[in-house]
Amino acid sequence: MARILIVDDSKIMNLGMQKDVKAIGHEAIGVFNGLEAVKKIQKEQFDLILMDIEMPEMDGFEATKKIREITQDSFIPIIIVSTLEETETLDMGWLEAGADEFLHKPFERSALQARVRSMLRLKEKYDELQTAKETLEVFNSKIKKLVTQGLGNMRDPLDRLNKALGGVNGCHGPDSAGLASMRREVKKIEEIVENISQIHRKRYTKVQEL
């Protein structure tokens, strides 16, 4: 069940939309101007907003802008519901204000309910994507930690081996060729470790950019 905020200064229209929303199984909370809506959003969580335009205290456009500022880290669909024509409200900038859909009054109950369902599906998909992204970030962070620890564990013995080999510089005789071969092998392992580290850093950066 979704929580839907209905913002309309007409008591009859407000109560009517509440009834329509409740009829499809959702909770409806009504306020009567944009300022009340902004205050409500600051205190409570909602899944969808039905917003009138022409209201006292604060109109729907201004309220929509402020709500978008408040909810930058989440997504709450906003449907503009107005007696004004859609072309007229487009010129007034409802899309630029941050609204997602428009419904012209008067409307059939089924039209309102269809838009409510559509916007709630959109929010559900958005929330699923955000959850997946957060899960991936946590997983990738753990992998990064494990890889970093593993690479550190590999580098330490390599450093010690390099120091040991450095201590026998200038060695001549039968062992000199073997020491040179060991140094080459250590160098190869160091390059492999560095390549693994670079690959992981690139993958981690890509995840962060999602």
N, C-alpha and C. Protein backbone atom coordinates (compact mmCIF):
# COMPACT_ATOMS: atom_id res chain seq x y z
N MET A 1 0.84 -1.20 0.00
CA MET A 1 0.00 0.00 0.00
C MET A 1 0.87 1.24 0.00
N ALA A 2 0.64 2.12 -0.96
CA ALA A 2 1.42 3.36 -1.08
C ALA A 2 0.77 4.48 -0.28
N ARG A 3 1.60 5.45 0.13
CA ARG A 3 1.10 6.66 0.80
C ARG A 3 1.10 7.79 -0.23
N ILE A 4 -0.07 8.36 -0.45
CA ILE A 4 -0.22 9.37 -1.49
C ILE A 4 -0.69 10.68 -0.87
N LEU A 5 0.04 11.76 -1.18
CA LEU A 5 -0.29 13.09 -0.69
C LEU A 5 -1.11 13.82 -1.75
N ILE A 6 -2.28 14.30 -1.35
CA ILE A 6 -3.17 15.01 -2.27
C ILE A 6 -3.20 16.48 -1.87
N VAL A 7 -2.84 17.35 -2.82
CA VAL A 7 -2.70 18.78 -2.55
C VAL A 7 -3.68 19.54 -3.44
N ASP A 8 -4.77 20.02 -2.84
CA ASP A 8 -5.80 20.75 -3.59
C ASP A 8 -6.60 21.60 -2.61
N ASP A 9 -6.80 22.89 -2.97
CA ASP A 9 -7.50 23.79 -2.04
C ASP A 9 -9.01 23.59 -2.06
N SER A 10 -9.51 22.86 -3.06
CA SER A 10 -10.94 22.55 -3.10
C SER A 10 -11.21 21.33 -2.22
N LYS A 11 -11.99 21.52 -1.18
CA LYS A 11 -12.26 20.41 -0.26
C LYS A 11 -12.98 19.27 -0.97
N ILE A 12 -13.93 19.62 -1.84
CA ILE A 12 -14.68 18.59 -2.57
C ILE A 12 -13.74 17.78 -3.46
N MET A 13 -12.88 18.49 -4.21
CA MET A 13 -11.95 17.81 -5.11
C MET A 13 -10.93 16.98 -4.32
N ASN A 14 -10.45 17.55 -3.23
CA ASN A 14 -9.46 16.86 -2.40
C ASN A 14 -10.02 15.56 -1.85
N LEU A 15 -11.21 15.64 -1.27
CA LEU A 15 -11.84 14.45 -0.70
C LEU A 15 -12.19 13.44 -1.79
N GLY A 16 -12.57 13.95 -2.96
CA GLY A 16 -12.90 13.06 -4.07
C GLY A 16 -11.68 12.26 -4.53
N MET A 17 -10.54 12.93 -4.65
CA MET A 17 -9.32 12.23 -5.05
C MET A 17 -8.87 11.25 -3.97
N GLN A 18 -9.05 11.64 -2.72
CA GLN A 18 -8.72 10.70 -1.63
C GLN A 18 -9.54 9.42 -1.76
N LYS A 19 -10.82 9.60 -2.06
CA LYS A 19 -11.72 8.45 -2.21
C LYS A 19 -11.28 7.57 -3.38
N ASP A 20 -10.91 8.21 -4.50
CA ASP A 20 -10.48 7.46 -5.69
C ASP A 20 -9.20 6.67 -5.42
N VAL A 21 -8.29 7.27 -4.68
CA VAL A 21 -7.02 6.62 -4.36
C VAL A 21 -7.23 5.45 -3.39
N LYS A 22 -8.06 5.67 -2.40
CA LYS A 22 -8.34 4.61 -1.43
C LYS A 22 -9.04 3.43 -2.08
N ALA A 23 -9.81 3.70 -3.14
CA ALA A 23 -10.55 2.65 -3.82
C ALA A 23 -9.63 1.62 -4.48
N ILE A 24 -8.39 2.01 -4.76
CA ILE A 24 -7.45 1.05 -5.36
C ILE A 24 -6.39 0.60 -4.34
N GLY A 25 -6.74 0.77 -3.06
CA GLY A 25 -5.95 0.15 -2.00
C GLY A 25 -4.80 0.95 -1.43
N HIS A 26 -4.81 2.28 -1.61
CA HIS A 26 -3.71 3.08 -1.10
C HIS A 26 -4.17 4.04 -0.01
N GLU A 27 -3.21 4.50 0.78
CA GLU A 27 -3.50 5.48 1.82
C GLU A 27 -3.44 6.88 1.21
N ALA A 28 -4.42 7.72 1.55
CA ALA A 28 -4.48 9.07 1.01
C ALA A 28 -4.49 10.09 2.14
N ILE A 29 -3.62 11.09 2.03
CA ILE A 29 -3.55 12.17 3.02
C ILE A 29 -3.74 13.48 2.27
N GLY A 30 -4.66 14.31 2.72
CA GLY A 30 -4.96 15.54 2.02
C GLY A 30 -4.48 16.79 2.74
N VAL A 31 -3.92 17.75 1.97
CA VAL A 31 -3.61 19.09 2.46
C VAL A 31 -4.17 20.08 1.44
N PHE A 32 -4.26 21.37 1.83
CA PHE A 32 -5.04 22.30 1.02
C PHE A 32 -4.26 23.45 0.40
N ASN A 33 -2.94 23.43 0.49
CA ASN A 33 -2.13 24.39 -0.26
C ASN A 33 -0.69 23.88 -0.35
N GLY A 34 0.10 24.55 -1.19
CA GLY A 34 1.46 24.10 -1.42
C GLY A 34 2.35 24.16 -0.20
N LEU A 35 2.16 25.18 0.63
CA LEU A 35 2.98 25.32 1.83
C LEU A 35 2.76 24.15 2.78
N GLU A 36 1.50 23.75 2.95
CA GLU A 36 1.20 22.59 3.80
C GLU A 36 1.85 21.33 3.23
N ALA A 37 1.86 21.23 1.90
CA ALA A 37 2.46 20.06 1.26
C ALA A 37 3.96 19.99 1.54
N VAL A 38 4.64 21.12 1.41
CA VAL A 38 6.08 21.16 1.67
C VAL A 38 6.38 20.76 3.11
N LYS A 39 5.61 21.29 4.05
CA LYS A 39 5.81 20.96 5.47
C LYS A 39 5.57 19.48 5.72
N LYS A 40 4.57 18.93 5.03
CA LYS A 40 4.24 17.51 5.19
C LYS A 40 5.39 16.63 4.69
N ILE A 41 5.95 17.01 3.54
CA ILE A 41 7.04 16.24 2.95
C ILE A 41 8.29 16.28 3.83
N GLN A 42 8.48 17.39 4.53
CA GLN A 42 9.63 17.52 5.42
C GLN A 42 9.56 16.57 6.61
N LYS A 43 8.35 16.17 6.97
CA LYS A 43 8.15 15.36 8.18
C LYS A 43 7.82 13.90 7.90
N GLU A 44 7.21 13.63 6.74
CA GLU A 44 6.70 12.28 6.48
C GLU A 44 7.17 11.75 5.13
N GLN A 45 7.04 10.43 4.95
CA GLN A 45 7.40 9.77 3.71
C GLN A 45 6.17 9.53 2.85
N PHE A 46 6.27 9.86 1.56
CA PHE A 46 5.17 9.60 0.62
C PHE A 46 5.72 8.95 -0.64
N ASP A 47 4.84 8.22 -1.33
CA ASP A 47 5.23 7.53 -2.56
C ASP A 47 4.78 8.25 -3.81
N LEU A 48 3.84 9.18 -3.67
CA LEU A 48 3.28 9.88 -4.83
C LEU A 48 2.57 11.14 -4.35
N ILE A 49 2.58 12.18 -5.21
CA ILE A 49 1.89 13.43 -4.88
C ILE A 49 0.98 13.82 -6.04
N LEU A 50 -0.27 14.16 -5.72
CA LEU A 50 -1.21 14.74 -6.67
C LEU A 50 -1.29 16.23 -6.35
N MET A 51 -0.89 17.09 -7.29
CA MET A 51 -0.67 18.50 -7.01
C MET A 51 -1.52 19.41 -7.89
N ASP A 52 -2.40 20.19 -7.24
CA ASP A 52 -3.13 21.25 -7.94
C ASP A 52 -2.15 22.40 -8.21
N ILE A 53 -2.54 23.32 -9.10
CA ILE A 53 -1.65 24.45 -9.41
C ILE A 53 -2.06 25.71 -8.66
N GLU A 54 -3.29 26.14 -8.88
CA GLU A 54 -3.74 27.42 -8.32
C GLU A 54 -4.27 27.22 -6.90
N MET A 55 -3.44 27.62 -5.91
CA MET A 55 -3.80 27.46 -4.50
C MET A 55 -3.28 28.65 -3.71
N PRO A 56 -3.89 28.94 -2.56
CA PRO A 56 -3.39 30.03 -1.70
C PRO A 56 -2.09 29.62 -1.00
N GLU A 57 -1.45 30.59 -0.38
CA GLU A 57 -0.20 30.38 0.38
C GLU A 57 0.99 30.07 -0.53
N MET A 58 0.87 29.02 -1.32
CA MET A 58 1.93 28.64 -2.25
C MET A 58 1.32 27.81 -3.37
N ASP A 59 1.57 28.19 -4.64
CA ASP A 59 0.95 27.46 -5.74
C ASP A 59 1.69 26.13 -6.00
N GLY A 60 1.11 25.34 -6.89
CA GLY A 60 1.64 24.00 -7.14
C GLY A 60 3.02 23.99 -7.76
N PHE A 61 3.33 24.98 -8.61
CA PHE A 61 4.65 25.04 -9.22
C PHE A 61 5.74 25.27 -8.18
N GLU A 62 5.52 26.27 -7.33
CA GLU A 62 6.50 26.59 -6.30
C GLU A 62 6.66 25.43 -5.32
N ALA A 63 5.53 24.82 -4.96
CA ALA A 63 5.59 23.68 -4.04
C ALA A 63 6.37 22.52 -4.66
N THR A 64 6.15 22.28 -5.95
CA THR A 64 6.87 21.20 -6.64
C THR A 64 8.37 21.45 -6.63
N LYS A 65 8.77 22.68 -6.92
CA LYS A 65 10.20 23.03 -6.91
C LYS A 65 10.82 22.77 -5.53
N LYS A 66 10.12 23.22 -4.49
CA LYS A 66 10.65 23.07 -3.14
C LYS A 66 10.71 21.60 -2.72
N ILE A 67 9.71 20.85 -3.13
CA ILE A 67 9.70 19.41 -2.80
C ILE A 67 10.86 18.70 -3.49
N ARG A 68 11.15 19.07 -4.73
CA ARG A 68 12.29 18.48 -5.43
C ARG A 68 13.61 18.82 -4.74
N GLU A 69 13.70 20.01 -4.19
CA GLU A 69 14.91 20.39 -3.45
C GLU A 69 15.05 19.55 -2.18
N ILE A 70 13.92 19.32 -1.51
CA ILE A 70 13.93 18.57 -0.25
C ILE A 70 14.24 17.09 -0.49
N THR A 71 13.77 16.56 -1.60
CA THR A 71 13.85 15.11 -1.85
C THR A 71 14.88 14.76 -2.92
N GLN A 72 16.00 15.45 -2.94
CA GLN A 72 17.02 15.22 -3.96
C GLN A 72 17.57 13.80 -3.95
N ASP A 73 17.59 13.18 -2.79
CA ASP A 73 18.17 11.84 -2.66
C ASP A 73 17.16 10.71 -2.86
N SER A 74 15.94 11.07 -3.22
CA SER A 74 14.91 10.05 -3.46
C SER A 74 14.04 10.50 -4.64
N PHE A 75 13.09 9.66 -5.00
CA PHE A 75 12.21 10.00 -6.12
C PHE A 75 10.75 9.84 -5.70
N ILE A 76 10.02 10.96 -5.70
CA ILE A 76 8.58 10.94 -5.43
C ILE A 76 7.88 11.49 -6.67
N PRO A 77 7.17 10.67 -7.44
CA PRO A 77 6.47 11.17 -8.61
C PRO A 77 5.44 12.23 -8.23
N ILE A 78 5.32 13.25 -9.06
CA ILE A 78 4.34 14.32 -8.84
C ILE A 78 3.46 14.44 -10.08
N ILE A 79 2.15 14.30 -9.88
CA ILE A 79 1.18 14.46 -10.96
C ILE A 79 0.49 15.80 -10.78
N ILE A 80 0.60 16.67 -11.78
CA ILE A 80 -0.13 17.94 -11.75
C ILE A 80 -1.58 17.67 -12.13
N VAL A 81 -2.50 18.13 -11.29
CA VAL A 81 -3.94 17.95 -11.54
C VAL A 81 -4.57 19.35 -11.56
N SER A 82 -5.02 19.79 -12.75
CA SER A 82 -5.44 21.19 -12.87
C SER A 82 -6.57 21.37 -13.87
N THR A 83 -7.34 22.45 -13.67
CA THR A 83 -8.38 22.83 -14.63
C THR A 83 -7.77 23.54 -15.83
N LEU A 84 -6.53 23.97 -15.72
CA LEU A 84 -5.83 24.60 -16.84
C LEU A 84 -5.52 23.55 -17.89
N GLU A 85 -5.43 23.98 -19.15
CA GLU A 85 -5.09 23.05 -20.22
C GLU A 85 -3.62 22.65 -20.13
N GLU A 86 -3.31 21.44 -20.60
CA GLU A 86 -1.94 20.95 -20.50
C GLU A 86 -0.96 21.85 -21.24
N THR A 87 -1.34 22.32 -22.44
CA THR A 87 -0.45 23.19 -23.20
C THR A 87 -0.16 24.48 -22.43
N GLU A 88 -1.19 24.98 -21.75
CA GLU A 88 -1.02 26.21 -20.97
C GLU A 88 -0.07 25.97 -19.80
N THR A 89 -0.24 24.84 -19.14
CA THR A 89 0.63 24.55 -17.99
C THR A 89 2.05 24.22 -18.43
N LEU A 90 2.20 23.65 -19.64
CA LEU A 90 3.55 23.43 -20.16
C LEU A 90 4.27 24.75 -20.35
N ASP A 91 3.54 25.73 -20.91
CA ASP A 91 4.12 27.06 -21.07
C ASP A 91 4.48 27.67 -19.72
N MET A 92 3.71 27.33 -18.70
CA MET A 92 3.99 27.86 -17.36
C MET A 92 5.14 27.12 -16.68
N GLY A 93 5.51 25.96 -17.25
CA GLY A 93 6.72 25.28 -16.78
C GLY A 93 6.55 24.18 -15.76
N TRP A 94 5.49 23.35 -15.86
CA TRP A 94 5.34 22.29 -14.86
C TRP A 94 6.42 21.21 -14.98
N LEU A 95 6.88 20.97 -16.22
CA LEU A 95 7.96 20.00 -16.38
C LEU A 95 9.26 20.53 -15.78
N GLU A 96 9.54 21.81 -16.06
CA GLU A 96 10.75 22.43 -15.52
C GLU A 96 10.72 22.49 -13.99
N ALA A 97 9.52 22.61 -13.43
CA ALA A 97 9.39 22.66 -11.97
C ALA A 97 9.74 21.32 -11.33
N GLY A 98 9.60 20.23 -12.12
CA GLY A 98 9.96 18.91 -11.60
C GLY A 98 8.82 17.92 -11.54
N ALA A 99 7.64 18.29 -12.09
CA ALA A 99 6.51 17.35 -12.10
C ALA A 99 6.73 16.28 -13.18
N ASP A 100 6.02 15.17 -13.05
CA ASP A 100 6.24 14.03 -13.94
C ASP A 100 5.07 13.72 -14.87
N GLU A 101 3.88 14.16 -14.51
CA GLU A 101 2.69 13.80 -15.28
C GLU A 101 1.65 14.89 -15.11
N PHE A 102 0.67 14.93 -16.03
CA PHE A 102 -0.39 15.93 -15.98
C PHE A 102 -1.75 15.25 -16.16
N LEU A 103 -2.73 15.73 -15.40
CA LEU A 103 -4.11 15.25 -15.53
C LEU A 103 -5.04 16.45 -15.49
N HIS A 104 -5.86 16.57 -16.53
CA HIS A 104 -6.76 17.73 -16.64
C HIS A 104 -8.07 17.48 -15.89
N LYS A 105 -8.50 18.47 -15.11
CA LYS A 105 -9.81 18.43 -14.44
C LYS A 105 -10.86 19.01 -15.39
N PRO A 106 -12.06 18.49 -15.35
CA PRO A 106 -12.52 17.30 -14.62
C PRO A 106 -12.03 16.02 -15.30
N PHE A 107 -11.96 14.95 -14.56
CA PHE A 107 -11.44 13.70 -15.10
C PHE A 107 -12.29 12.54 -14.61
N GLU A 108 -12.21 11.45 -15.34
CA GLU A 108 -12.86 10.22 -14.92
C GLU A 108 -12.03 9.57 -13.81
N ARG A 109 -12.71 8.93 -12.88
CA ARG A 109 -12.00 8.24 -11.79
C ARG A 109 -10.96 7.28 -12.36
N SER A 110 -11.32 6.57 -13.43
CA SER A 110 -10.41 5.57 -14.01
C SER A 110 -9.13 6.22 -14.55
N ALA A 111 -9.25 7.46 -15.06
CA ALA A 111 -8.08 8.16 -15.59
C ALA A 111 -7.10 8.50 -14.46
N LEU A 112 -7.63 8.97 -13.35
CA LEU A 112 -6.78 9.27 -12.19
C LEU A 112 -6.12 7.99 -11.68
N GLN A 113 -6.91 6.95 -11.53
CA GLN A 113 -6.37 5.70 -11.00
C GLN A 113 -5.31 5.10 -11.92
N ALA A 114 -5.50 5.25 -13.23
CA ALA A 114 -4.51 4.73 -14.18
C ALA A 114 -3.18 5.46 -14.05
N ARG A 115 -3.25 6.77 -13.88
CA ARG A 115 -2.01 7.55 -13.73
C ARG A 115 -1.34 7.24 -12.39
N VAL A 116 -2.13 7.06 -11.37
CA VAL A 116 -1.57 6.70 -10.06
C VAL A 116 -0.82 5.37 -10.16
N ARG A 117 -1.45 4.39 -10.78
CA ARG A 117 -0.80 3.08 -10.94
C ARG A 117 0.49 3.20 -11.75
N SER A 118 0.43 3.98 -12.83
CA SER A 118 1.59 4.14 -13.70
C SER A 118 2.77 4.78 -12.96
N MET A 119 2.49 5.84 -12.22
CA MET A 119 3.55 6.54 -11.49
C MET A 119 4.11 5.70 -10.34
N LEU A 120 3.26 4.92 -9.71
CA LEU A 120 3.73 4.05 -8.62
C LEU A 120 4.61 2.93 -9.17
N ARG A 121 4.30 2.43 -10.36
CA ARG A 121 5.17 1.43 -11.00
C ARG A 121 6.53 2.04 -11.32
N LEU A 122 6.50 3.29 -11.79
CA LEU A 122 7.75 3.98 -12.10
C LEU A 122 8.60 4.14 -10.84
N LYS A 123 7.96 4.53 -9.74
CA LYS A 123 8.69 4.69 -8.48
C LYS A 123 9.24 3.35 -8.00
N GLU A 124 8.45 2.30 -8.15
CA GLU A 124 8.89 0.97 -7.71
C GLU A 124 10.16 0.56 -8.46
N LYS A 125 10.17 0.79 -9.78
CA LYS A 125 11.35 0.43 -10.58
C LYS A 125 12.55 1.28 -10.18
N TYR A 126 12.30 2.56 -9.93
CA TYR A 126 13.39 3.45 -9.50
C TYR A 126 13.97 2.98 -8.17
N ASP A 127 13.10 2.67 -7.22
CA ASP A 127 13.56 2.21 -5.91
C ASP A 127 14.33 0.90 -6.00
N GLU A 128 13.86 0.00 -6.88
CA GLU A 128 14.57 -1.27 -7.08
C GLU A 128 15.97 -1.02 -7.64
N LEU A 129 16.07 -0.09 -8.58
CA LEU A 129 17.36 0.25 -9.17
C LEU A 129 18.30 0.84 -8.12
N GLN A 130 17.78 1.73 -7.28
CA GLN A 130 18.60 2.32 -6.23
C GLN A 130 19.09 1.28 -5.23
N THR A 131 18.19 0.36 -4.87
CA THR A 131 18.57 -0.71 -3.94
C THR A 131 19.65 -1.60 -4.54
N ALA A 132 19.49 -1.92 -5.83
CA ALA A 132 20.50 -2.75 -6.51
C ALA A 132 21.84 -2.03 -6.57
N LYS A 133 21.79 -0.73 -6.83
CA LYS A 133 23.03 0.06 -6.90
C LYS A 133 23.73 0.09 -5.54
N GLU A 134 22.95 0.31 -4.48
CA GLU A 134 23.53 0.35 -3.13
C GLU A 134 24.12 -1.00 -2.75
N THR A 135 23.41 -2.08 -3.11
CA THR A 135 23.91 -3.43 -2.82
C THR A 135 25.22 -3.68 -3.56
N LEU A 136 25.26 -3.26 -4.82
CA LEU A 136 26.46 -3.44 -5.63
C LEU A 136 27.63 -2.64 -5.06
N GLU A 137 27.35 -1.43 -4.60
CA GLU A 137 28.41 -0.60 -4.01
C GLU A 137 28.98 -1.25 -2.75
N VAL A 138 28.10 -1.79 -1.91
CA VAL A 138 28.55 -2.46 -0.68
C VAL A 138 29.39 -3.69 -1.04
N PHE A 139 28.88 -4.48 -1.99
CA PHE A 139 29.59 -5.69 -2.41
C PHE A 139 30.96 -5.34 -3.00
N ASN A 140 30.97 -4.31 -3.86
CA ASN A 140 32.22 -3.92 -4.49
C ASN A 140 33.22 -3.38 -3.48
N SER A 141 32.71 -2.68 -2.46
CA SER A 141 33.57 -2.16 -1.41
C SER A 141 34.24 -3.31 -0.64
N LYS A 142 33.46 -4.36 -0.37
CA LYS A 142 34.01 -5.53 0.32
C LYS A 142 35.06 -6.23 -0.54
N ILE A 143 34.75 -6.35 -1.84
CA ILE A 143 35.70 -6.98 -2.76
C ILE A 143 36.99 -6.16 -2.83
N LYS A 144 36.82 -4.83 -2.88
CA LYS A 144 37.99 -3.96 -2.93
C LYS A 144 38.87 -4.17 -1.70
N LYS A 145 38.23 -4.28 -0.54
CA LYS A 145 38.98 -4.48 0.70
C LYS A 145 39.73 -5.81 0.67
N LEU A 146 39.04 -6.86 0.21
CA LEU A 146 39.67 -8.18 0.14
C LEU A 146 40.84 -8.19 -0.84
N VAL A 147 40.62 -7.57 -2.02
CA VAL A 147 41.68 -7.53 -3.03
C VAL A 147 42.87 -6.73 -2.52
N THR A 148 42.57 -5.57 -1.89
CA THR A 148 43.64 -4.73 -1.35
C THR A 148 44.46 -5.49 -0.32
N GLN A 149 43.76 -6.19 0.58
CA GLN A 149 44.46 -6.98 1.59
C GLN A 149 45.28 -8.10 0.95
N GLY A 150 44.67 -8.75 -0.05
CA GLY A 150 45.36 -9.84 -0.73
C GLY A 150 46.60 -9.36 -1.47
N LEU A 151 46.47 -8.22 -2.16
CA LEU A 151 47.62 -7.67 -2.88
C LEU A 151 48.71 -7.25 -1.91
N GLY A 152 48.27 -6.70 -0.76
CA GLY A 152 49.25 -6.31 0.26
C GLY A 152 50.01 -7.52 0.78
N ASN A 153 49.28 -8.61 0.98
CA ASN A 153 49.92 -9.85 1.45
C ASN A 153 50.89 -10.42 0.43
N MET A 154 50.60 -10.16 -0.87
CA MET A 154 51.51 -10.63 -1.91
C MET A 154 52.73 -9.72 -2.04
N ARG A 155 52.51 -8.41 -1.86
CA ARG A 155 53.62 -7.47 -2.04
C ARG A 155 54.67 -7.59 -0.93
N ASP A 156 54.21 -7.85 0.28
CA ASP A 156 55.16 -7.92 1.41
C ASP A 156 56.26 -8.96 1.18
N PRO A 157 55.89 -10.22 0.87
CA PRO A 157 56.97 -11.21 0.64
C PRO A 157 57.80 -10.88 -0.60
N LEU A 158 57.17 -10.25 -1.62
CA LEU A 158 57.94 -9.86 -2.80
C LEU A 158 58.99 -8.81 -2.44
N ASP A 159 58.60 -7.86 -1.60
CA ASP A 159 59.55 -6.84 -1.16
C ASP A 159 60.71 -7.47 -0.40
N ARG A 160 60.37 -8.41 0.48
CA ARG A 160 61.43 -9.08 1.26
C ARG A 160 62.36 -9.88 0.34
N LEU A 161 61.77 -10.52 -0.66
CA LEU A 161 62.57 -11.30 -1.59
C LEU A 161 63.48 -10.40 -2.42
N ASN A 162 62.95 -9.25 -2.83
CA ASN A 162 63.77 -8.29 -3.58
C ASN A 162 64.95 -7.81 -2.76
N LYS A 163 64.70 -7.54 -1.47
CA LYS A 163 65.77 -7.10 -0.59
C LYS A 163 66.83 -8.18 -0.44
N ALA A 164 66.35 -9.41 -0.30
CA ALA A 164 67.28 -10.54 -0.16
C ALA A 164 68.13 -10.70 -1.41
N LEU A 165 67.49 -10.57 -2.58
CA LEU A 165 68.23 -10.69 -3.83
C LEU A 165 69.19 -9.53 -4.01
N GLY A 166 68.75 -8.36 -3.54
CA GLY A 166 69.64 -7.20 -3.63
C GLY A 166 70.88 -7.37 -2.79
N GLY A 167 70.77 -8.16 -1.73
CA GLY A 167 71.91 -8.37 -0.85
C GLY A 167 72.98 -9.25 -1.45
N VAL A 168 72.66 -9.91 -2.54
CA VAL A 168 73.66 -10.78 -3.17
C VAL A 168 74.06 -10.25 -4.54
N ASN A 169 73.91 -8.94 -4.76
CA ASN A 169 74.36 -8.33 -6.00
C ASN A 169 75.87 -8.55 -6.17
N GLY A 170 76.25 -8.74 -7.38
CA GLY A 170 77.68 -8.92 -7.65
C GLY A 170 78.14 -10.35 -7.50
N CYS A 171 77.19 -11.24 -7.26
CA CYS A 171 77.54 -12.65 -7.10
C CYS A 171 77.99 -13.21 -8.45
N HIS A 172 79.06 -13.96 -8.45
CA HIS A 172 79.57 -14.57 -9.68
C HIS A 172 79.62 -16.08 -9.51
N GLY A 173 79.73 -16.74 -10.60
CA GLY A 173 79.85 -18.18 -10.52
C GLY A 173 78.57 -18.87 -10.95
N PRO A 174 78.44 -20.13 -10.61
CA PRO A 174 77.30 -20.93 -11.07
C PRO A 174 75.95 -20.37 -10.63
N ASP A 175 75.91 -19.69 -9.48
CA ASP A 175 74.62 -19.23 -8.95
C ASP A 175 74.16 -17.91 -9.57
N SER A 176 75.04 -17.21 -10.28
CA SER A 176 74.67 -15.88 -10.79
C SER A 176 73.52 -15.95 -11.79
N ALA A 177 73.54 -16.93 -12.67
CA ALA A 177 72.47 -17.07 -13.66
C ALA A 177 71.15 -17.39 -12.97
N GLY A 178 71.20 -18.21 -11.94
CA GLY A 178 69.99 -18.54 -11.20
C GLY A 178 69.40 -17.34 -10.49
N LEU A 179 70.26 -16.49 -9.93
CA LEU A 179 69.79 -15.28 -9.26
C LEU A 179 69.14 -14.33 -10.25
N ALA A 180 69.75 -14.20 -11.42
CA ALA A 180 69.18 -13.32 -12.45
C ALA A 180 67.80 -13.83 -12.87
N SER A 181 67.68 -15.14 -13.00
CA SER A 181 66.39 -15.73 -13.36
C SER A 181 65.35 -15.48 -12.27
N MET A 182 65.76 -15.58 -11.01
CA MET A 182 64.84 -15.33 -9.90
C MET A 182 64.34 -13.89 -9.92
N ARG A 183 65.27 -12.96 -10.20
CA ARG A 183 64.88 -11.55 -10.26
C ARG A 183 63.85 -11.31 -11.36
N ARG A 184 64.05 -11.96 -12.50
CA ARG A 184 63.09 -11.81 -13.60
C ARG A 184 61.72 -12.34 -13.22
N GLU A 185 61.70 -13.47 -12.53
CA GLU A 185 60.43 -14.07 -12.12
C GLU A 185 59.72 -13.19 -11.09
N VAL A 186 60.51 -12.63 -10.16
CA VAL A 186 59.92 -11.72 -9.17
C VAL A 186 59.32 -10.50 -9.86
N LYS A 187 60.05 -9.98 -10.87
CA LYS A 187 59.56 -8.83 -11.62
C LYS A 187 58.24 -9.14 -12.31
N LYS A 188 58.14 -10.34 -12.90
CA LYS A 188 56.90 -10.74 -13.56
C LYS A 188 55.74 -10.80 -12.57
N ILE A 189 56.00 -11.36 -11.39
CA ILE A 189 54.95 -11.46 -10.37
C ILE A 189 54.50 -10.07 -9.93
N GLU A 190 55.48 -9.16 -9.77
CA GLU A 190 55.14 -7.78 -9.39
C GLU A 190 54.25 -7.12 -10.45
N GLU A 191 54.54 -7.37 -11.71
CA GLU A 191 53.73 -6.80 -12.80
C GLU A 191 52.32 -7.38 -12.78
N ILE A 192 52.21 -8.68 -12.51
CA ILE A 192 50.89 -9.31 -12.43
C ILE A 192 50.07 -8.70 -11.29
N VAL A 193 50.71 -8.53 -10.13
CA VAL A 193 50.03 -7.93 -8.98
C VAL A 193 49.55 -6.53 -9.31
N GLU A 194 50.41 -5.74 -9.97
CA GLU A 194 50.04 -4.37 -10.33
C GLU A 194 48.90 -4.35 -11.34
N ASN A 195 48.92 -5.27 -12.31
CA ASN A 195 47.83 -5.35 -13.30
C ASN A 195 46.50 -5.67 -12.63
N ILE A 196 46.52 -6.62 -11.70
CA ILE A 196 45.30 -6.96 -10.96
C ILE A 196 44.78 -5.75 -10.21
N SER A 197 45.68 -5.01 -9.60
CA SER A 197 45.30 -3.82 -8.83
C SER A 197 44.67 -2.77 -9.74
N GLN A 198 45.24 -2.55 -10.92
CA GLN A 198 44.71 -1.55 -11.86
C GLN A 198 43.35 -1.96 -12.39
N ILE A 199 43.20 -3.24 -12.72
CA ILE A 199 41.90 -3.73 -13.22
C ILE A 199 40.82 -3.51 -12.18
N HIS A 200 41.12 -3.82 -10.93
CA HIS A 200 40.11 -3.65 -9.87
C HIS A 200 39.77 -2.18 -9.69
N ARG A 201 40.78 -1.30 -9.73
CA ARG A 201 40.51 0.14 -9.57
C ARG A 201 39.59 0.65 -10.66
N LYS A 202 39.80 0.20 -11.89
CA LYS A 202 38.96 0.62 -13.01
C LYS A 202 37.52 0.14 -12.83
N ARG A 203 37.36 -1.11 -12.42
CA ARG A 203 36.01 -1.66 -12.20
C ARG A 203 35.31 -0.93 -11.07
N TYR A 204 36.04 -0.63 -10.02
CA TYR A 204 35.45 0.08 -8.87
C TYR A 204 35.00 1.47 -9.29
N THR A 205 35.80 2.14 -10.12
CA THR A 205 35.45 3.48 -10.60
C THR A 205 34.18 3.43 -11.44
N LYS A 206 34.03 2.41 -12.29
CA LYS A 206 32.84 2.28 -13.12
C LYS A 206 31.59 2.09 -12.28
N VAL A 207 31.68 1.29 -11.23
CA VAL A 207 30.54 1.07 -10.33
C VAL A 207 30.15 2.38 -9.66
N GLN A 208 31.14 3.16 -9.23
CA GLN A 208 30.87 4.42 -8.57
C GLN A 208 30.16 5.40 -9.49
N GLU A 209 30.39 5.26 -10.81
CA GLU A 209 29.80 6.18 -11.79
C GLU A 209 28.39 5.81 -12.18
N LEU A 210 27.89 4.64 -11.79
CA LEU A 210 26.54 4.21 -12.15
C LEU A 210 25.49 5.12 -11.55
